[in-house]
N, C-alpha and C. Protein backbone atom coordinates (compact mmCIF):
# COMPACT_ATOMS: atom_id res chain seq x y z
N MET A 1 -0.25 98.96 -13.03
CA MET A 1 -0.06 99.98 -14.03
C MET A 1 0.53 99.12 -15.32
N LEU A 2 1.62 98.86 -15.13
CA LEU A 2 2.77 98.42 -15.70
C LEU A 2 2.43 97.20 -16.55
N LEU A 3 1.73 96.14 -15.59
CA LEU A 3 1.54 95.01 -16.45
C LEU A 3 -0.11 95.41 -17.24
N ALA A 4 -0.83 96.06 -16.92
CA ALA A 4 -1.87 96.58 -17.95
C ALA A 4 -1.28 96.91 -19.27
N ALA A 5 -0.07 97.96 -19.16
CA ALA A 5 0.28 98.28 -20.20
C ALA A 5 1.01 97.30 -21.19
N GLU A 6 1.25 96.37 -20.81
CA GLU A 6 2.09 95.39 -21.36
C GLU A 6 1.03 94.14 -22.12
N TRP A 7 0.34 94.25 -21.73
CA TRP A 7 -1.01 93.20 -22.28
C TRP A 7 -1.75 93.94 -23.22
N GLY A 8 -1.43 93.29 -24.65
CA GLY A 8 -2.42 93.78 -25.55
C GLY A 8 -3.88 93.28 -25.56
N SER A 9 -4.48 93.42 -26.74
CA SER A 9 -5.74 93.00 -26.81
C SER A 9 -5.88 91.70 -27.07
N GLY A 10 -4.84 91.10 -27.76
CA GLY A 10 -4.54 89.67 -28.33
C GLY A 10 -4.39 88.90 -27.19
N GLN A 11 -3.39 89.70 -26.24
CA GLN A 11 -3.19 88.53 -25.14
C GLN A 11 -4.25 88.28 -24.24
N VAL A 12 -5.22 89.27 -23.85
CA VAL A 12 -6.55 88.92 -23.08
C VAL A 12 -7.53 88.18 -23.84
N LEU A 13 -7.69 88.19 -24.86
CA LEU A 13 -8.48 87.00 -25.82
C LEU A 13 -7.98 85.89 -25.81
N TRP A 14 -6.81 85.86 -25.93
CA TRP A 14 -5.92 84.35 -25.70
C TRP A 14 -6.05 83.98 -24.55
N SER A 15 -6.01 84.46 -23.54
CA SER A 15 -6.24 84.39 -22.30
C SER A 15 -7.57 84.05 -21.88
N MET A 16 -8.73 84.56 -22.13
CA MET A 16 -9.99 84.44 -21.99
C MET A 16 -10.48 83.17 -22.64
N LEU A 17 -9.83 82.75 -23.94
CA LEU A 17 -9.97 81.36 -24.64
C LEU A 17 -9.56 80.34 -23.89
N TRP A 18 -8.14 80.51 -23.12
CA TRP A 18 -7.81 79.23 -22.36
C TRP A 18 -8.77 79.19 -21.22
N ILE A 19 -9.05 80.02 -20.68
CA ILE A 19 -9.78 80.33 -19.32
C ILE A 19 -11.25 79.58 -19.87
N PHE A 20 -11.97 79.77 -20.76
CA PHE A 20 -13.03 79.02 -21.42
C PHE A 20 -12.99 78.05 -21.59
N ILE A 21 -11.83 77.17 -22.51
CA ILE A 21 -11.44 75.99 -22.43
C ILE A 21 -11.28 74.89 -21.23
N PHE A 22 -10.45 75.69 -20.20
CA PHE A 22 -10.55 74.88 -18.51
C PHE A 22 -11.93 74.79 -18.23
N ILE A 23 -12.74 76.19 -18.03
CA ILE A 23 -13.56 75.71 -17.72
C ILE A 23 -14.81 74.70 -17.97
N MET A 24 -14.69 74.32 -19.72
CA MET A 24 -15.46 73.50 -20.23
C MET A 24 -15.01 72.21 -19.77
N TRP A 25 -13.75 72.30 -19.69
CA TRP A 25 -13.30 70.76 -19.57
C TRP A 25 -13.26 70.30 -17.99
N ILE A 26 -13.54 71.40 -16.72
CA ILE A 26 -14.05 71.16 -15.70
C ILE A 26 -15.52 70.69 -15.53
N TRP A 27 -16.27 71.15 -16.85
CA TRP A 27 -17.59 70.84 -16.91
C TRP A 27 -17.85 69.33 -17.42
N LEU A 28 -16.88 69.37 -18.03
CA LEU A 28 -17.08 67.65 -18.93
C LEU A 28 -16.84 67.00 -18.03
N ILE A 29 -15.89 67.04 -17.17
CA ILE A 29 -15.41 65.71 -16.00
C ILE A 29 -16.68 65.73 -15.16
N ILE A 30 -17.34 66.82 -14.86
CA ILE A 30 -18.29 66.70 -13.68
C ILE A 30 -19.81 65.89 -14.58
N VAL A 31 -19.72 66.27 -15.65
CA VAL A 31 -21.18 65.47 -16.82
C VAL A 31 -20.53 64.07 -16.80
N ILE A 32 -19.50 63.95 -17.02
CA ILE A 32 -19.14 62.28 -17.19
C ILE A 32 -19.34 61.62 -16.12
N PHE A 33 -18.52 61.80 -14.99
CA PHE A 33 -18.83 61.56 -13.55
C PHE A 33 -20.03 61.17 -12.92
N SER A 34 -21.27 62.37 -13.06
CA SER A 34 -22.45 62.28 -13.19
C SER A 34 -23.54 61.19 -13.73
N ASP A 35 -22.69 60.92 -15.11
CA ASP A 35 -23.36 60.13 -15.80
C ASP A 35 -22.55 58.85 -15.46
N ILE A 36 -21.63 57.88 -14.88
CA ILE A 36 -21.07 57.22 -14.43
C ILE A 36 -21.96 56.55 -13.46
N ILE A 37 -21.84 57.91 -12.32
CA ILE A 37 -22.46 57.50 -11.32
C ILE A 37 -24.25 57.08 -11.32
N ARG A 38 -24.59 57.39 -12.29
CA ARG A 38 -25.98 57.34 -12.45
C ARG A 38 -26.28 56.18 -13.14
N SER A 39 -25.38 55.62 -13.88
CA SER A 39 -25.83 54.85 -14.86
C SER A 39 -26.08 53.42 -14.21
N HIS A 40 -27.29 52.44 -14.60
CA HIS A 40 -27.71 51.43 -14.39
C HIS A 40 -27.02 50.45 -15.15
N ASP A 41 -26.91 50.68 -16.37
CA ASP A 41 -26.27 49.57 -17.11
C ASP A 41 -24.74 48.84 -16.82
N MET A 42 -24.38 49.80 -15.73
CA MET A 42 -22.89 49.53 -15.34
C MET A 42 -22.77 48.93 -14.49
N GLY A 43 -21.56 47.92 -13.99
CA GLY A 43 -21.71 47.71 -12.67
C GLY A 43 -20.67 48.42 -11.99
N GLY A 44 -20.18 47.88 -10.88
CA GLY A 44 -19.60 48.90 -9.53
C GLY A 44 -17.96 48.30 -10.50
N TRP A 45 -17.70 47.69 -10.97
CA TRP A 45 -16.38 47.37 -11.38
C TRP A 45 -16.09 48.13 -12.76
N ALA A 46 -17.22 48.31 -13.45
CA ALA A 46 -16.76 49.18 -14.71
C ALA A 46 -17.10 50.59 -14.47
N LYS A 47 -17.65 51.06 -13.32
CA LYS A 47 -18.01 52.29 -13.24
C LYS A 47 -16.30 52.39 -12.42
N ALA A 48 -15.70 51.68 -11.72
CA ALA A 48 -14.64 52.34 -10.89
C ALA A 48 -13.76 52.00 -11.97
N LEU A 49 -13.41 51.39 -12.91
CA LEU A 49 -12.81 51.29 -13.94
C LEU A 49 -12.50 52.94 -14.67
N TRP A 50 -13.74 53.02 -15.25
CA TRP A 50 -13.86 54.49 -15.98
C TRP A 50 -13.30 55.42 -15.17
N SER A 51 -13.47 55.74 -14.02
CA SER A 51 -13.12 56.58 -12.53
C SER A 51 -11.87 56.74 -12.68
N ILE A 52 -11.41 55.76 -12.58
CA ILE A 52 -9.69 55.55 -12.63
C ILE A 52 -9.21 55.96 -14.00
N ALA A 53 -9.64 55.49 -15.32
CA ALA A 53 -9.05 56.00 -16.11
C ALA A 53 -9.01 57.52 -16.27
N ILE A 54 -10.24 58.20 -15.93
CA ILE A 54 -10.68 59.59 -16.22
C ILE A 54 -9.57 60.30 -15.05
N ILE A 55 -9.39 59.58 -14.02
CA ILE A 55 -8.42 60.37 -12.91
C ILE A 55 -7.06 60.40 -13.49
N PHE A 56 -6.52 59.00 -14.03
CA PHE A 56 -5.20 58.83 -14.50
C PHE A 56 -4.81 59.34 -15.75
N PHE A 57 -5.93 59.25 -16.77
CA PHE A 57 -5.39 59.65 -17.93
C PHE A 57 -6.38 60.22 -18.40
N PRO A 58 -6.21 61.56 -18.13
CA PRO A 58 -7.72 62.50 -18.44
C PRO A 58 -8.16 62.67 -19.74
N PHE A 59 -7.18 62.99 -20.63
CA PHE A 59 -7.90 63.55 -22.00
C PHE A 59 -8.19 61.85 -22.69
N ILE A 60 -7.35 60.76 -22.70
CA ILE A 60 -7.79 59.95 -22.96
C ILE A 60 -9.34 59.10 -22.59
N GLY A 61 -9.09 58.90 -21.09
CA GLY A 61 -10.40 58.47 -20.67
C GLY A 61 -11.50 59.60 -20.74
N ILE A 62 -11.44 60.82 -20.84
CA ILE A 62 -12.97 61.60 -21.14
C ILE A 62 -13.28 61.31 -22.70
N PHE A 63 -12.29 61.33 -23.80
CA PHE A 63 -12.26 61.36 -25.02
C PHE A 63 -12.80 59.55 -25.30
N ALA A 64 -12.28 58.54 -24.66
CA ALA A 64 -12.91 57.15 -25.45
C ALA A 64 -14.11 57.13 -24.28
N TYR A 65 -14.27 57.76 -23.40
CA TYR A 65 -15.93 57.59 -22.43
C TYR A 65 -16.56 58.27 -23.90
N LEU A 66 -16.39 59.50 -23.79
CA LEU A 66 -17.44 60.17 -24.92
C LEU A 66 -17.66 59.32 -26.32
N ILE A 67 -16.45 58.31 -26.99
CA ILE A 67 -16.88 57.89 -28.17
C ILE A 67 -17.68 56.61 -27.87
N ILE A 68 -17.15 56.19 -26.59
CA ILE A 68 -18.11 54.88 -26.56
C ILE A 68 -19.26 54.98 -26.04
N ARG A 69 -19.45 55.64 -25.01
CA ARG A 69 -20.91 55.63 -24.61
C ARG A 69 -21.39 57.20 -24.69
N GLY A 70 -20.94 57.73 -25.58
CA GLY A 70 -21.69 59.19 -25.56
C GLY A 70 -23.27 59.32 -26.10
N ASN A 71 -23.45 58.42 -27.10
CA ASN A 71 -24.71 58.32 -27.64
C ASN A 71 -25.87 57.73 -26.58
N SER A 72 -25.07 57.30 -25.80
CA SER A 72 -26.36 56.48 -24.67
C SER A 72 -26.23 57.35 -23.35
N MET A 73 -25.04 58.67 -23.15
CA MET A 73 -25.73 59.57 -22.39
C MET A 73 -26.84 60.42 -22.51
N SER A 74 -27.59 60.98 -23.58
CA SER A 74 -28.69 61.55 -23.68
C SER A 74 -29.50 60.68 -23.24
N GLU A 75 -29.69 59.54 -23.50
CA GLU A 75 -30.79 58.64 -23.64
C GLU A 75 -31.23 58.25 -21.80
N ARG A 76 -29.95 58.14 -21.23
CA ARG A 76 -29.80 58.02 -19.43
C ARG A 76 -30.30 59.21 -19.24
N GLN A 77 -29.99 60.71 -19.48
CA GLN A 77 -30.67 61.86 -18.78
C GLN A 77 -32.11 61.80 -19.41
N LEU A 78 -32.41 61.77 -20.50
CA LEU A 78 -33.96 61.74 -20.82
C LEU A 78 -34.81 61.02 -20.22
N ALA A 79 -34.31 59.58 -19.73
CA ALA A 79 -34.81 58.43 -19.16
C ALA A 79 -35.09 59.56 -17.65
N ASP A 80 -34.17 59.95 -17.12
CA ASP A 80 -34.12 60.49 -15.88
C ASP A 80 -34.73 61.61 -15.58
N ALA A 81 -34.78 62.51 -16.62
CA ALA A 81 -35.79 63.51 -16.44
C ALA A 81 -37.29 63.19 -16.85
N LYS A 82 -37.78 62.44 -17.52
CA LYS A 82 -39.12 61.50 -17.79
C LYS A 82 -39.52 61.15 -16.28
N ALA A 83 -38.19 60.30 -15.94
CA ALA A 83 -38.84 59.62 -14.31
C ALA A 83 -39.03 60.90 -13.28
N ALA A 84 -38.48 61.82 -13.36
CA ALA A 84 -38.33 62.99 -12.37
C ALA A 84 -39.86 63.93 -12.61
N ASP A 85 -39.84 64.15 -13.94
CA ASP A 85 -40.88 64.61 -14.10
C ASP A 85 -42.38 63.69 -13.74
N ALA A 86 -42.44 62.49 -14.02
CA ALA A 86 -43.58 61.58 -13.73
C ALA A 86 -43.67 61.78 -12.14
N ALA A 87 -42.52 61.65 -11.47
CA ALA A 87 -42.51 61.37 -9.95
C ALA A 87 -43.08 63.18 -9.22
N THR A 88 -42.44 64.27 -10.23
CA THR A 88 -43.56 65.40 -9.93
C THR A 88 -44.67 65.43 -10.12
N GLN A 89 -45.25 64.79 -11.10
CA GLN A 89 -46.75 64.82 -11.49
C GLN A 89 -47.50 64.16 -10.51
N ASP A 90 -47.44 63.04 -10.32
CA ASP A 90 -47.65 61.87 -9.06
C ASP A 90 -47.84 62.44 -7.99
N TYR A 91 -46.93 63.46 -7.25
CA TYR A 91 -46.94 64.37 -6.25
C TYR A 91 -47.90 65.55 -6.33
N ILE A 92 -47.84 65.91 -7.54
CA ILE A 92 -48.87 66.84 -7.37
C ILE A 92 -50.53 66.55 -7.50
N ARG A 93 -50.66 65.44 -8.14
CA ARG A 93 -52.09 64.85 -8.01
C ARG A 93 -52.48 64.39 -6.78
N SER A 94 -51.21 63.60 -6.04
CA SER A 94 -51.63 63.11 -4.65
C SER A 94 -51.65 64.06 -3.84
N ALA A 95 -51.19 65.44 -3.82
CA ALA A 95 -51.39 66.61 -3.11
C ALA A 95 -52.46 67.46 -3.05
N ALA A 96 -53.10 67.49 -4.61
CA ALA A 96 -54.09 68.13 -4.68
C ALA A 96 -55.23 67.36 -4.49
N GLY A 97 -54.94 66.00 -4.21
CA GLY A 97 -56.23 65.24 -3.69
C GLY A 97 -57.46 64.92 -4.71
N THR A 98 -57.29 65.26 -6.09
CA THR A 98 -58.34 65.35 -6.90
C THR A 98 -58.21 64.79 -8.19
N GLU A 99 -59.16 64.05 -8.50
CA GLU A 99 -59.15 63.17 -9.85
C GLU A 99 -60.19 64.16 -10.77
N ASN A 100 -59.60 63.73 -12.30
CA ASN A 100 -60.43 64.62 -12.97
C ASN A 100 -61.85 63.83 -13.10
N SER A 101 -62.72 64.22 -14.08
CA SER A 101 -64.06 63.55 -13.83
C SER A 101 -64.11 62.53 -14.71
N ALA A 102 -63.14 62.20 -15.39
CA ALA A 102 -62.99 60.72 -16.45
C ALA A 102 -62.37 60.08 -15.50
N ASP A 103 -61.18 60.19 -14.79
CA ASP A 103 -61.16 59.22 -13.73
C ASP A 103 -62.01 58.79 -12.77
N GLN A 104 -62.66 59.30 -12.31
CA GLN A 104 -63.28 58.97 -11.22
C GLN A 104 -64.64 58.19 -11.71
N LEU A 105 -64.56 58.70 -13.13
CA LEU A 105 -65.76 57.67 -13.77
C LEU A 105 -65.49 56.58 -14.18
N SER A 106 -63.91 56.43 -14.53
CA SER A 106 -63.48 55.11 -14.86
C SER A 106 -63.38 54.28 -13.60
N THR A 107 -63.29 54.58 -12.24
CA THR A 107 -63.12 54.04 -10.91
C THR A 107 -64.53 54.05 -10.48
N LEU A 108 -65.63 54.43 -10.74
CA LEU A 108 -66.82 54.13 -10.56
C LEU A 108 -67.36 52.86 -11.56
N SER A 109 -67.13 53.24 -12.68
CA SER A 109 -67.41 51.68 -13.53
C SER A 109 -66.87 50.59 -13.10
N THR A 110 -65.51 50.92 -12.71
CA THR A 110 -64.80 49.50 -12.73
C THR A 110 -65.16 48.81 -10.95
N LEU A 111 -66.01 49.71 -10.02
CA LEU A 111 -66.37 49.38 -9.05
C LEU A 111 -67.93 48.98 -9.18
N HIS A 112 -68.45 49.68 -9.96
CA HIS A 112 -69.62 48.72 -10.55
C HIS A 112 -69.60 47.42 -11.22
N ASP A 113 -68.83 47.24 -12.02
CA ASP A 113 -68.68 46.14 -13.25
C ASP A 113 -68.07 45.10 -11.79
N ALA A 114 -67.48 45.31 -10.94
CA ALA A 114 -67.13 44.38 -10.02
C ALA A 114 -67.94 43.96 -8.82
N GLY A 115 -69.07 44.34 -9.13
CA GLY A 115 -70.25 44.29 -8.19
C GLY A 115 -70.25 44.93 -6.70
N LYS A 116 -69.34 45.80 -6.52
CA LYS A 116 -68.98 46.41 -5.11
C LYS A 116 -70.15 47.62 -5.11
N LEU A 117 -71.05 48.01 -6.13
CA LEU A 117 -71.44 49.06 -6.23
C LEU A 117 -73.08 48.57 -6.92
N ASP A 118 -74.36 48.97 -6.35
CA ASP A 118 -75.49 48.37 -7.30
C ASP A 118 -75.90 49.62 -8.10
N ASP A 119 -76.76 49.24 -9.12
CA ASP A 119 -77.59 50.10 -9.87
C ASP A 119 -77.68 51.61 -9.27
N ALA A 120 -78.28 51.53 -8.64
CA ALA A 120 -78.85 52.80 -7.98
C ALA A 120 -77.66 53.43 -7.36
N GLU A 121 -76.81 52.96 -6.44
CA GLU A 121 -75.43 53.82 -6.12
C GLU A 121 -74.93 54.11 -7.16
N TYR A 122 -74.45 53.44 -8.44
CA TYR A 122 -73.89 53.82 -9.44
C TYR A 122 -74.33 55.06 -10.12
N ALA A 123 -75.79 54.75 -10.39
CA ALA A 123 -76.38 55.85 -10.81
C ALA A 123 -76.32 57.26 -10.14
N THR A 124 -76.71 57.26 -8.79
CA THR A 124 -76.25 58.30 -7.76
C THR A 124 -75.20 59.14 -8.01
N ALA A 125 -74.07 58.26 -8.01
CA ALA A 125 -72.81 58.39 -7.86
C ALA A 125 -72.44 59.13 -9.38
N LYS A 126 -72.64 58.86 -10.28
CA LYS A 126 -72.39 59.11 -11.49
C LYS A 126 -72.86 60.62 -11.76
N ALA A 127 -74.24 60.63 -11.51
CA ALA A 127 -74.84 61.85 -11.49
C ALA A 127 -74.03 63.01 -10.44
N LYS A 128 -73.55 62.88 -9.65
CA LYS A 128 -72.80 63.48 -8.76
C LYS A 128 -71.58 63.98 -9.54
N ILE A 129 -70.87 63.42 -9.79
CA ILE A 129 -69.50 63.64 -10.74
C ILE A 129 -69.97 64.25 -11.83
N ILE A 130 -70.64 64.00 -12.76
CA ILE A 130 -71.21 64.68 -13.78
C ILE A 130 -71.74 66.16 -13.63
N GLN A 131 -72.53 66.49 -12.69
CA GLN A 131 -72.81 67.76 -12.07
C GLN A 131 -71.96 68.69 -11.50
N SER A 132 -70.98 68.18 -10.88
CA SER A 132 -69.76 68.79 -10.66
C SER A 132 -68.57 69.10 -11.40
């Protein structure tokens, strides 16, 4: 009770601000370490040096990383997201086991041009695809 009476609204807001800054700092460290680990354009020694710099010199290391490699962080994250999306779409297509009719017609045409299907088989298969 006595502690709550001694704290004013300004002190509570000030404490909340410092807690927010601390949480943001932790989140920034997590994001930078994940970027270091997932980066394909750095070798093992460069990753180790950046990690050591961030652990032993946290402010300088993090700000230097953001200044030097900050622009390419979003590019790497976007490339990873596109790769994950492509993998998900490929999995969905393979799990569904169906192609759209344009893909089927393209495959059929390739087989016909390669001589694996004669004209009668090609016409029958094409009619079946178009009807469905």
